[in-house]
Amino acid sequence: MRVYAVVAAGGFRRYATYRVATAAGVFTNTVFGFIVAYTFTALWDERPQLGGYDLSQAVTYVWIGQALLMTTAMMGGGFENELMERIRTGDIAIDLYRPADLQLFWLASDLGRAAFHLLGRGVVPMALGALAFDLALPADPLVWVAFLCAVALGVVVSFAIRFLVALSAFWLLDGAGVAQITWLVGLFFSGMVLPLTLFPGGLGALAQVLPWSALLQIPADVLLGKHTGWGLVQAYGFQLGWAAVLLTAGRLLQSVATRRVVVQGG
């Protein structure tokens, strides 16, 4: 496990070197946060308690979304582009012969990336949002701990989805199309555009059982106190269930791809 801890630390340091990009990201997240927060304010002034949130909770949801946008990679931008490029060029063969599991290696790297983005691009926009708006932030530190656990599980689910997307390059050679479609779907069904509780009828029910809801909707609801007690256990169970299913699918697909590389190499 030590090697994966080193890889995670390396992933954190790697993204920490891009200071200008991080500052630009903080600025972008903050600007969009203000735009969306004022939009939500106008909407909730007309429809109080829309989706089960009061105005303060709705605005808080906006800033949570800005904090988690890059943390859970709702728009991609993590390891998947590099992995697809290594598959395309054939360098993946070297990775498969290394004494480290391919899936765990990239998961560790992605956890380091997520930790940096949570601190580097999450804390400052949230703090600025708290200065400008009356956010419904909990005073109980245990709620924050529960929130961070939900975020960590959301990152794992996000990784598992993107790992599957990246492995599609074994058969498509260029997985960019699949990646872009997945990012668009994920952005919509994660709750980044609107909370999933606002989606009507069957669409809302479907959105809340898809894996992308684990990326934002569930962590946000945990911080807003929507999941407590047994409800919190169920929320974690939902995230863990999708993580297990998707990681298993990724491992099976990895095994098939590995056999293909071995056969072609032989």
C-alpha atoms as a PDB file:
ATOM      1  CA  MET A   1       0.000   0.000   0.000  1.00  0.00           C
ATOM      2  CA  ARG A   2       2.974   2.296   0.510  1.00  0.00           C
ATOM      3  CA  VAL A   3       3.506   2.631  -3.225  1.00  0.00           C
ATOM      4  CA  TYR A   4      -0.069   3.840  -3.728  1.00  0.00           C
ATOM      5  CA  ALA A   5       0.291   6.370  -0.908  1.00  0.00           C
ATOM      6  CA  VAL A   6       3.386   7.706  -2.685  1.00  0.00           C
ATOM      7  CA  VAL A   7       1.462   7.865  -5.966  1.00  0.00           C
ATOM      8  CA  ALA A   8      -1.378   9.774  -4.264  1.00  0.00           C
ATOM      9  CA  ALA A   9       1.080  12.241  -2.760  1.00  0.00           C
ATOM     10  CA  GLY A  10       2.691  12.613  -6.172  1.00  0.00           C
ATOM     11  CA  GLY A  11      -0.700  13.341  -7.721  1.00  0.00           C
ATOM     12  CA  PHE A  12      -1.267  16.083  -5.151  1.00  0.00           C
ATOM     13  CA  ARG A  13       2.153  17.634  -5.786  1.00  0.00           C
ATOM     14  CA  ARG A  14       1.711  17.412  -9.539  1.00  0.00           C
ATOM     15  CA  TYR A  15      -1.400  19.575  -9.544  1.00  0.00           C
ATOM     16  CA  ALA A  16       0.046  21.877  -6.884  1.00  0.00           C
ATOM     17  CA  THR A  17       2.729  22.958  -9.354  1.00  0.00           C
ATOM     18  CA  TYR A  18       0.160  24.641 -11.625  1.00  0.00           C
ATOM     19  CA  ARG A  19      -0.281  27.731  -9.461  1.00  0.00           C
ATOM     20  CA  VAL A  20      -1.446  30.076 -12.214  1.00  0.00           C
ATOM     21  CA  ALA A  21      -3.987  27.546 -13.466  1.00  0.00           C
ATOM     22  CA  THR A  22      -5.219  27.050  -9.903  1.00  0.00           C
ATOM     23  CA  ALA A  23      -5.634  30.801  -9.387  1.00  0.00           C
ATOM     24  CA  ALA A  24      -7.509  31.057 -12.682  1.00  0.00           C
ATOM     25  CA  GLY A  25      -9.710  28.150 -11.619  1.00  0.00           C
ATOM     26  CA  VAL A  26     -10.495  29.779  -8.285  1.00  0.00           C
ATOM     27  CA  PHE A  27     -11.454  32.983 -10.099  1.00  0.00           C
ATOM     28  CA  THR A  28     -13.643  31.097 -12.585  1.00  0.00           C
ATOM     29  CA  ASN A  29     -15.391  29.067  -9.882  1.00  0.00           C
ATOM     30  CA  THR A  30     -16.027  32.208  -7.858  1.00  0.00           C
ATOM     31  CA  VAL A  31     -17.447  34.190 -10.788  1.00  0.00           C
ATOM     32  CA  PHE A  32     -19.732  31.357 -11.853  1.00  0.00           C
ATOM     33  CA  GLY A  33     -20.700  30.836  -8.233  1.00  0.00           C
ATOM     34  CA  PHE A  34     -21.915  34.432  -7.973  1.00  0.00           C
ATOM     35  CA  ILE A  35     -23.777  34.206 -11.298  1.00  0.00           C
ATOM     36  CA  VAL A  36     -25.575  30.991 -10.369  1.00  0.00           C
ATOM     37  CA  ALA A  37     -26.188  32.092  -6.770  1.00  0.00           C
ATOM     38  CA  TYR A  38     -27.968  35.257  -7.912  1.00  0.00           C
ATOM     39  CA  THR A  39     -29.932  33.212 -10.455  1.00  0.00           C
ATOM     40  CA  PHE A  40     -31.012  30.805  -7.720  1.00  0.00           C
ATOM     41  CA  THR A  41     -31.898  33.745  -5.484  1.00  0.00           C
ATOM     42  CA  ALA A  42     -34.274  35.112  -8.111  1.00  0.00           C
ATOM     43  CA  LEU A  43     -35.774  31.659  -8.684  1.00  0.00           C
ATOM     44  CA  TRP A  44     -36.263  30.910  -4.980  1.00  0.00           C
ATOM     45  CA  ASP A  45     -37.767  34.353  -4.367  1.00  0.00           C
ATOM     46  CA  GLU A  46     -40.544  33.291  -6.755  1.00  0.00           C
ATOM     47  CA  ARG A  47     -40.715  29.670  -5.590  1.00  0.00           C
ATOM     48  CA  PRO A  48     -39.746  29.376  -1.908  1.00  0.00           C
ATOM     49  CA  GLN A  49     -38.899  25.848  -0.712  1.00  0.00           C
ATOM     50  CA  LEU A  50     -38.397  24.706  -4.301  1.00  0.00           C
ATOM     51  CA  GLY A  51     -37.026  21.167  -4.363  1.00  0.00           C
ATOM     52  CA  GLY A  52     -37.180  20.978  -0.580  1.00  0.00           C
ATOM     53  CA  TYR A  53     -34.556  23.698  -0.050  1.00  0.00           C
ATOM     54  CA  ASP A  54     -35.009  27.141   1.450  1.00  0.00           C
ATOM     55  CA  LEU A  55     -33.149  30.058  -0.117  1.00  0.00           C
ATOM     56  CA  SER A  56     -30.115  29.761   2.151  1.00  0.00           C
ATOM     57  CA  GLN A  57     -29.791  26.050   1.435  1.00  0.00           C
ATOM     58  CA  ALA A  58     -30.218  26.577  -2.303  1.00  0.00           C
ATOM     59  CA  VAL A  59     -27.429  29.168  -2.408  1.00  0.00           C
ATOM     60  CA  THR A  60     -25.244  26.928  -0.255  1.00  0.00           C
ATOM     61  CA  TYR A  61     -25.850  24.140  -2.763  1.00  0.00           C
ATOM     62  CA  VAL A  62     -24.463  26.414  -5.492  1.00  0.00           C
ATOM     63  CA  TRP A  63     -21.190  26.976  -3.652  1.00  0.00           C
ATOM     64  CA  ILE A  64     -20.846  23.313  -2.762  1.00  0.00           C
ATOM     65  CA  GLY A  65     -21.169  22.601  -6.466  1.00  0.00           C
ATOM     66  CA  GLN A  66     -18.396  25.060  -7.288  1.00  0.00           C
ATOM     67  CA  ALA A  67     -16.190  23.506  -4.614  1.00  0.00           C
ATOM     68  CA  LEU A  68     -16.755  19.972  -5.941  1.00  0.00           C
ATOM     69  CA  LEU A  69     -16.782  20.688  -9.672  1.00  0.00           C
ATOM     70  CA  MET A  70     -13.112  19.805 -10.104  1.00  0.00           C
ATOM     71  CA  THR A  71     -12.831  17.720  -6.943  1.00  0.00           C
ATOM     72  CA  THR A  72     -15.148  15.043  -8.310  1.00  0.00           C
ATOM     73  CA  ALA A  73     -14.176  15.870 -11.912  1.00  0.00           C
ATOM     74  CA  MET A  74     -17.736  16.377 -13.108  1.00  0.00           C
ATOM     75  CA  MET A  75     -16.353  17.806 -16.343  1.00  0.00           C
ATOM     76  CA  GLY A  76     -13.457  15.385 -16.608  1.00  0.00           C
ATOM     77  CA  GLY A  77      -9.931  16.726 -16.591  1.00  0.00           C
ATOM     78  CA  GLY A  78      -8.378  14.017 -14.458  1.00  0.00           C
ATOM     79  CA  PHE A  79      -6.232  11.011 -15.333  1.00  0.00           C
ATOM     80  CA  GLU A  80      -8.412   9.718 -18.158  1.00  0.00           C
ATOM     81  CA  ASN A  81      -6.890  11.794 -20.945  1.00  0.00           C
ATOM     82  CA  GLU A  82      -3.397  10.606 -20.087  1.00  0.00           C
ATOM     83  CA  LEU A  83      -4.517   6.987 -19.800  1.00  0.00           C
ATOM     84  CA  MET A  84      -6.318   7.114 -23.168  1.00  0.00           C
ATOM     85  CA  GLU A  85      -3.211   8.586 -24.759  1.00  0.00           C
ATOM     86  CA  ARG A  86      -1.059   5.793 -23.329  1.00  0.00           C
ATOM     87  CA  ILE A  87      -3.491   3.244 -24.725  1.00  0.00           C
ATOM     88  CA  ARG A  88      -3.463   4.934 -28.129  1.00  0.00           C
ATOM     89  CA  THR A  89       0.339   5.023 -28.332  1.00  0.00           C
ATOM     90  CA  GLY A  90       0.832   1.519 -26.930  1.00  0.00           C
ATOM     91  CA  ASP A  91       2.693   2.732 -23.835  1.00  0.00           C
ATOM     92  CA  ILE A  92      -0.003   1.004 -21.785  1.00  0.00           C
ATOM     93  CA  ALA A  93       1.852  -2.275 -22.366  1.00  0.00           C
ATOM     94  CA  ILE A  94       4.639  -1.002 -20.112  1.00  0.00           C
ATOM     95  CA  ASP A  95       2.105  -0.059 -17.414  1.00  0.00           C
ATOM     96  CA  LEU A  96       0.539  -3.520 -17.471  1.00  0.00           C
ATOM     97  CA  TYR A  97       3.904  -5.169 -16.782  1.00  0.00           C
ATOM     98  CA  ARG A  98       4.719  -2.932 -13.834  1.00  0.00           C
ATOM     99  CA  PRO A  99       4.508  -4.435 -10.307  1.00  0.00           C
ATOM    100  CA  ALA A 100       1.536  -2.211  -9.485  1.00  0.00           C
ATOM    101  CA  ASP A 101      -2.125  -2.731 -10.241  1.00  0.00           C
ATOM    102  CA  LEU A 102      -3.244  -0.458 -13.090  1.00  0.00           C
ATOM    103  CA  GLN A 103      -6.591   0.448 -11.548  1.00  0.00           C
ATOM    104  CA  LEU A 104      -5.223   1.083  -8.058  1.00  0.00           C
ATOM    105  CA  PHE A 105      -2.324   3.107  -9.455  1.00  0.00           C
ATOM    106  CA  TRP A 106      -4.617   5.528 -11.283  1.00  0.00           C
ATOM    107  CA  LEU A 107      -7.091   5.598  -8.383  1.00  0.00           C
ATOM    108  CA  ALA A 108      -4.323   6.656  -6.003  1.00  0.00           C
ATOM    109  CA  SER A 109      -3.198   9.351  -8.434  1.00  0.00           C
ATOM    110  CA  ASP A 110      -6.766  10.598  -8.821  1.00  0.00           C
ATOM    111  CA  LEU A 111      -7.300  10.759  -5.064  1.00  0.00           C
ATOM    112  CA  GLY A 112      -4.242  13.005  -4.824  1.00  0.00           C
ATOM    113  CA  ARG A 113      -5.634  15.201  -7.598  1.00  0.00           C
ATOM    114  CA  ALA A 114      -9.028  15.412  -5.868  1.00  0.00           C
ATOM    115  CA  ALA A 115      -7.481  16.320  -2.520  1.00  0.00           C
ATOM    116  CA  PHE A 116      -5.596  19.192  -4.109  1.00  0.00           C
ATOM    117  CA  HIS A 117      -8.635  20.531  -5.956  1.00  0.00           C
ATOM    118  CA  LEU A 118     -10.759  20.363  -2.805  1.00  0.00           C
ATOM    119  CA  LEU A 119      -8.207  22.520  -0.997  1.00  0.00           C
ATOM    120  CA  GLY A 120      -6.943  24.561  -3.931  1.00  0.00           C
ATOM    121  CA  ARG A 121     -10.173  25.277  -5.788  1.00  0.00           C
ATOM    122  CA  GLY A 122     -12.828  24.440  -3.222  1.00  0.00           C
ATOM    123  CA  VAL A 123     -12.091  26.274  -0.001  1.00  0.00           C
ATOM    124  CA  VAL A 124     -11.559  29.794  -1.375  1.00  0.00           C
ATOM    125  CA  PRO A 125     -14.750  30.023  -3.506  1.00  0.00           C
ATOM    126  CA  MET A 126     -16.767  28.592  -0.609  1.00  0.00           C
ATOM    127  CA  ALA A 127     -15.250  31.126   1.796  1.00  0.00           C
ATOM    128  CA  LEU A 128     -15.963  34.009  -0.575  1.00  0.00           C
ATOM    129  CA  GLY A 129     -19.498  32.753  -1.049  1.00  0.00           C
ATOM    130  CA  ALA A 130     -19.957  32.652   2.725  1.00  0.00           C
ATOM    131  CA  LEU A 131     -18.857  36.288   2.947  1.00  0.00           C
ATOM    132  CA  ALA A 132     -21.343  37.435   0.305  1.00  0.00           C
ATOM    133  CA  PHE A 133     -24.348  35.214   1.092  1.00  0.00           C
ATOM    134  CA  ASP A 134     -26.080  33.755   4.110  1.00  0.00           C
ATOM    135  CA  LEU A 135     -24.998  30.146   3.655  1.00  0.00           C
ATOM    136  CA  ALA A 136     -26.537  27.280   5.587  1.00  0.00           C
ATOM    137  CA  LEU A 137     -23.221  25.870   6.799  1.00  0.00           C
ATOM    138  CA  PRO A 138     -23.365  23.466   9.749  1.00  0.00           C
ATOM    139  CA  ALA A 139     -21.738  24.287  13.083  1.00  0.00           C
ATOM    140  CA  ASP A 140     -21.365  20.621  14.052  1.00  0.00           C
ATOM    141  CA  PRO A 141     -17.881  19.360  13.036  1.00  0.00           C
ATOM    142  CA  LEU A 142     -19.272  15.829  12.718  1.00  0.00           C
ATOM    143  CA  VAL A 143     -21.443  16.997   9.826  1.00  0.00           C
ATOM    144  CA  TRP A 144     -18.330  18.266   8.073  1.00  0.00           C
ATOM    145  CA  VAL A 145     -16.642  14.905   8.664  1.00  0.00           C
ATOM    146  CA  ALA A 146     -19.684  13.140   7.211  1.00  0.00           C
ATOM    147  CA  PHE A 147     -19.561  15.514   4.249  1.00  0.00           C
ATOM    148  CA  LEU A 148     -15.877  14.802   3.581  1.00  0.00           C
ATOM    149  CA  CYS A 149     -16.585  11.071   3.703  1.00  0.00           C
ATOM    150  CA  ALA A 150     -19.355  11.532   1.137  1.00  0.00           C
ATOM    151  CA  VAL A 151     -17.001  13.597  -1.040  1.00  0.00           C
ATOM    152  CA  ALA A 152     -14.336  10.876  -0.859  1.00  0.00           C
ATOM    153  CA  LEU A 153     -16.853   8.250  -1.935  1.00  0.00           C
ATOM    154  CA  GLY A 154     -18.039  10.557  -4.705  1.00  0.00           C
ATOM    155  CA  VAL A 155     -14.464  10.861  -5.968  1.00  0.00           C
ATOM    156  CA  VAL A 156     -14.146   7.068  -6.071  1.00  0.00           C
ATOM    157  CA  VAL A 157     -17.404   6.738  -8.038  1.00  0.00           C
ATOM    158  CA  SER A 158     -16.230   9.460 -10.408  1.00  0.00           C
ATOM    159  CA  PHE A 159     -12.909   7.673 -10.875  1.00  0.00           C
ATOM    160  CA  ALA A 160     -14.636   4.369 -11.587  1.00  0.00           C
ATOM    161  CA  ILE A 161     -16.779   5.957 -14.309  1.00  0.00           C
ATOM    162  CA  ARG A 162     -13.811   7.702 -15.923  1.00  0.00           C
ATOM    163  CA  PHE A 163     -11.671   4.555 -15.724  1.00  0.00           C
ATOM    164  CA  LEU A 164     -14.291   2.690 -17.745  1.00  0.00           C
ATOM    165  CA  VAL A 165     -14.384   5.552 -20.245  1.00  0.00           C
ATOM    166  CA  ALA A 166     -10.602   5.529 -20.572  1.00  0.00           C
ATOM    167  CA  LEU A 167     -10.497   1.758 -21.127  1.00  0.00           C
ATOM    168  CA  SER A 168     -12.901   2.149 -24.050  1.00  0.00           C
ATOM    169  CA  ALA A 169      -9.860   3.422 -25.980  1.00  0.00           C
ATOM    170  CA  PHE A 170      -8.646  -0.188 -26.223  1.00  0.00           C
ATOM    171  CA  TRP A 171     -11.445  -0.785 -28.715  1.00  0.00           C
ATOM    172  CA  LEU A 172     -12.162   2.702 -30.073  1.00  0.00           C
ATOM    173  CA  LEU A 173      -8.520   3.885 -30.232  1.00  0.00           C
ATOM    174  CA  ASP A 174      -9.761   7.414 -29.490  1.00  0.00           C
ATOM    175  CA  GLY A 175     -12.087   7.596 -26.491  1.00  0.00           C
ATOM    176  CA  ALA A 176     -12.553  11.378 -26.697  1.00  0.00           C
ATOM    177  CA  GLY A 177     -16.112  11.076 -28.029  1.00  0.00           C
ATOM    178  CA  VAL A 178     -17.177   8.690 -25.278  1.00  0.00           C
ATOM    179  CA  ALA A 179     -15.494  10.939 -22.699  1.00  0.00           C
ATOM    180  CA  GLN A 180     -17.288  14.071 -23.888  1.00  0.00           C
ATOM    181  CA  ILE A 181     -20.688  12.373 -23.895  1.00  0.00           C
ATOM    182  CA  THR A 182     -20.025  10.981 -20.413  1.00  0.00           C
ATOM    183  CA  TRP A 183     -19.000  14.409 -19.091  1.00  0.00           C
ATOM    184  CA  LEU A 184     -22.141  16.049 -20.491  1.00  0.00           C
ATOM    185  CA  VAL A 185     -24.373  13.356 -19.021  1.00  0.00           C
ATOM    186  CA  GLY A 186     -22.512  13.490 -15.730  1.00  0.00           C
ATOM    187  CA  LEU A 187     -22.727  17.269 -15.495  1.00  0.00           C
ATOM    188  CA  PHE A 188     -26.504  17.086 -15.905  1.00  0.00           C
ATOM    189  CA  PHE A 189     -27.213  14.057 -13.703  1.00  0.00           C
ATOM    190  CA  SER A 190     -24.793  14.986 -10.915  1.00  0.00           C
ATOM    191  CA  GLY A 191     -27.012  17.922  -9.963  1.00  0.00           C
ATOM    192  CA  MET A 192     -24.543  20.557 -11.115  1.00  0.00           C
ATOM    193  CA  VAL A 193     -27.055  22.276 -13.404  1.00  0.00           C
ATOM    194  CA  LEU A 194     -29.959  22.011 -10.956  1.00  0.00           C
ATOM    195  CA  PRO A 195     -30.513  19.942  -7.813  1.00  0.00           C
ATOM    196  CA  LEU A 196     -31.903  16.556  -8.807  1.00  0.00           C
ATOM    197  CA  THR A 197     -34.875  17.096  -6.496  1.00  0.00           C
ATOM    198  CA  LEU A 198     -36.136  19.676  -9.017  1.00  0.00           C
ATOM    199  CA  PHE A 199     -36.306  17.161 -11.854  1.00  0.00           C
ATOM    200  CA  PRO A 200     -39.895  16.177 -12.611  1.00  0.00           C
ATOM    201  CA  GLY A 201     -41.495  12.746 -12.255  1.00  0.00           C
ATOM    202  CA  GLY A 202     -39.709   9.767 -13.709  1.00  0.00           C
ATOM    203  CA  LEU A 203     -36.715  11.836 -14.798  1.00  0.00           C
ATOM    204  CA  GLY A 204     -36.118  12.892 -11.205  1.00  0.00           C
ATOM    205  CA  ALA A 205     -36.440   9.323  -9.954  1.00  0.00           C
ATOM    206  CA  LEU A 206     -34.024   8.107 -12.622  1.00  0.00           C
ATOM    207  CA  ALA A 207     -31.521  10.890 -11.963  1.00  0.00           C
ATOM    208  CA  GLN A 208     -31.319  10.076  -8.273  1.00  0.00           C
ATOM    209  CA  VAL A 209     -30.471   6.390  -8.820  1.00  0.00           C
ATOM    210  CA  LEU A 210     -27.776   6.972 -11.439  1.00  0.00           C
ATOM    211  CA  PRO A 211     -24.151   6.913 -10.220  1.00  0.00           C
ATOM    212  CA  TRP A 212     -23.537  10.593 -11.020  1.00  0.00           C
ATOM    213  CA  SER A 213     -25.781  11.664  -8.135  1.00  0.00           C
ATOM    214  CA  ALA A 214     -23.000  10.409  -5.852  1.00  0.00           C
ATOM    215  CA  LEU A 215     -20.698  13.160  -7.137  1.00  0.00           C
ATOM    216  CA  LEU A 216     -22.577  16.245  -5.922  1.00  0.00           C
ATOM    217  CA  GLN A 217     -26.187  15.682  -4.928  1.00  0.00           C
ATOM    218  CA  ILE A 218     -25.445  13.281  -2.082  1.00  0.00           C
ATOM    219  CA  PRO A 219     -22.450  15.168  -0.606  1.00  0.00           C
ATOM    220  CA  ALA A 220     -24.395  18.436  -0.800  1.00  0.00           C
ATOM    221  CA  ASP A 221     -27.413  16.926   0.946  1.00  0.00           C
ATOM    222  CA  VAL A 222     -25.158  15.496   3.642  1.00  0.00           C
ATOM    223  CA  LEU A 223     -23.704  18.940   4.354  1.00  0.00           C
ATOM    224  CA  LEU A 224     -27.183  20.487   4.297  1.00  0.00           C
ATOM    225  CA  GLY A 225     -28.431  17.979   6.863  1.00  0.00           C
ATOM    226  CA  LYS A 226     -30.760  16.125   4.503  1.00  0.00           C
ATOM    227  CA  HIS A 227     -29.126  12.787   5.346  1.00  0.00           C
ATOM    228  CA  THR A 228     -28.840  11.947   9.025  1.00  0.00           C
ATOM    229  CA  GLY A 229     -28.938   8.754  11.041  1.00  0.00           C
ATOM    230  CA  TRP A 230     -30.118   5.799   8.985  1.00  0.00           C
ATOM    231  CA  GLY A 231     -30.570   8.094   5.989  1.00  0.00           C
ATOM    232  CA  LEU A 232     -26.843   8.880   6.098  1.00  0.00           C
ATOM    233  CA  VAL A 233     -26.038   5.168   6.190  1.00  0.00           C
ATOM    234  CA  GLN A 234     -28.267   4.642   3.152  1.00  0.00           C
ATOM    235  CA  ALA A 235     -26.561   7.508   1.308  1.00  0.00           C
ATOM    236  CA  TYR A 236     -23.137   5.999   1.991  1.00  0.00           C
ATOM    237  CA  GLY A 237     -24.474   2.594   0.986  1.00  0.00           C
ATOM    238  CA  PHE A 238     -25.658   4.019  -2.324  1.00  0.00           C
ATOM    239  CA  GLN A 239     -22.233   5.499  -3.031  1.00  0.00           C
ATOM    240  CA  LEU A 240     -20.398   2.368  -1.917  1.00  0.00           C
ATOM    241  CA  GLY A 241     -22.704   0.189  -4.015  1.00  0.00           C
ATOM    242  CA  TRP A 242     -22.035   2.140  -7.201  1.00  0.00           C
ATOM    243  CA  ALA A 243     -18.312   2.293  -6.420  1.00  0.00           C
ATOM    244  CA  ALA A 244     -18.178  -1.484  -6.001  1.00  0.00           C
ATOM    245  CA  VAL A 245     -20.164  -2.169  -9.183  1.00  0.00           C
ATOM    246  CA  LEU A 246     -18.201   0.257 -11.349  1.00  0.00           C
ATOM    247  CA  LEU A 247     -14.781  -0.678  -9.963  1.00  0.00           C
ATOM    248  CA  THR A 248     -15.569  -4.363 -10.525  1.00  0.00           C
ATOM    249  CA  ALA A 249     -16.665  -3.604 -14.086  1.00  0.00           C
ATOM    250  CA  GLY A 250     -13.441  -1.677 -14.591  1.00  0.00           C
ATOM    251  CA  ARG A 251     -11.360  -4.568 -13.274  1.00  0.00           C
ATOM    252  CA  LEU A 252     -13.117  -7.032 -15.568  1.00  0.00           C
ATOM    253  CA  LEU A 253     -12.637  -4.735 -18.556  1.00  0.00           C
ATOM    254  CA  GLN A 254      -8.997  -4.266 -17.561  1.00  0.00           C
ATOM    255  CA  SER A 255      -8.522  -8.046 -17.527  1.00  0.00           C
ATOM    256  CA  VAL A 256     -10.012  -8.376 -21.008  1.00  0.00           C
ATOM    257  CA  ALA A 257      -7.826  -5.543 -22.286  1.00  0.00           C
ATOM    258  CA  THR A 258      -4.728  -7.058 -20.673  1.00  0.00           C
ATOM    259  CA  ARG A 259      -5.309 -10.387 -22.410  1.00  0.00           C
ATOM    260  CA  ARG A 260      -5.740  -8.523 -25.675  1.00  0.00           C
ATOM    261  CA  VAL A 261      -2.426  -6.707 -25.208  1.00  0.00           C
ATOM    262  CA  VAL A 262      -0.659  -9.966 -24.300  1.00  0.00           C
ATOM    263  CA  VAL A 263      -2.065 -11.766 -27.346  1.00  0.00           C
ATOM    264  CA  GLN A 264      -1.151  -8.923 -29.681  1.00  0.00           C
ATOM    265  CA  GLY A 265       2.279  -8.611 -28.101  1.00  0.00           C
ATOM    266  CA  GLY A 266       2.849 -12.340 -28.485  1.00  0.00           C
END
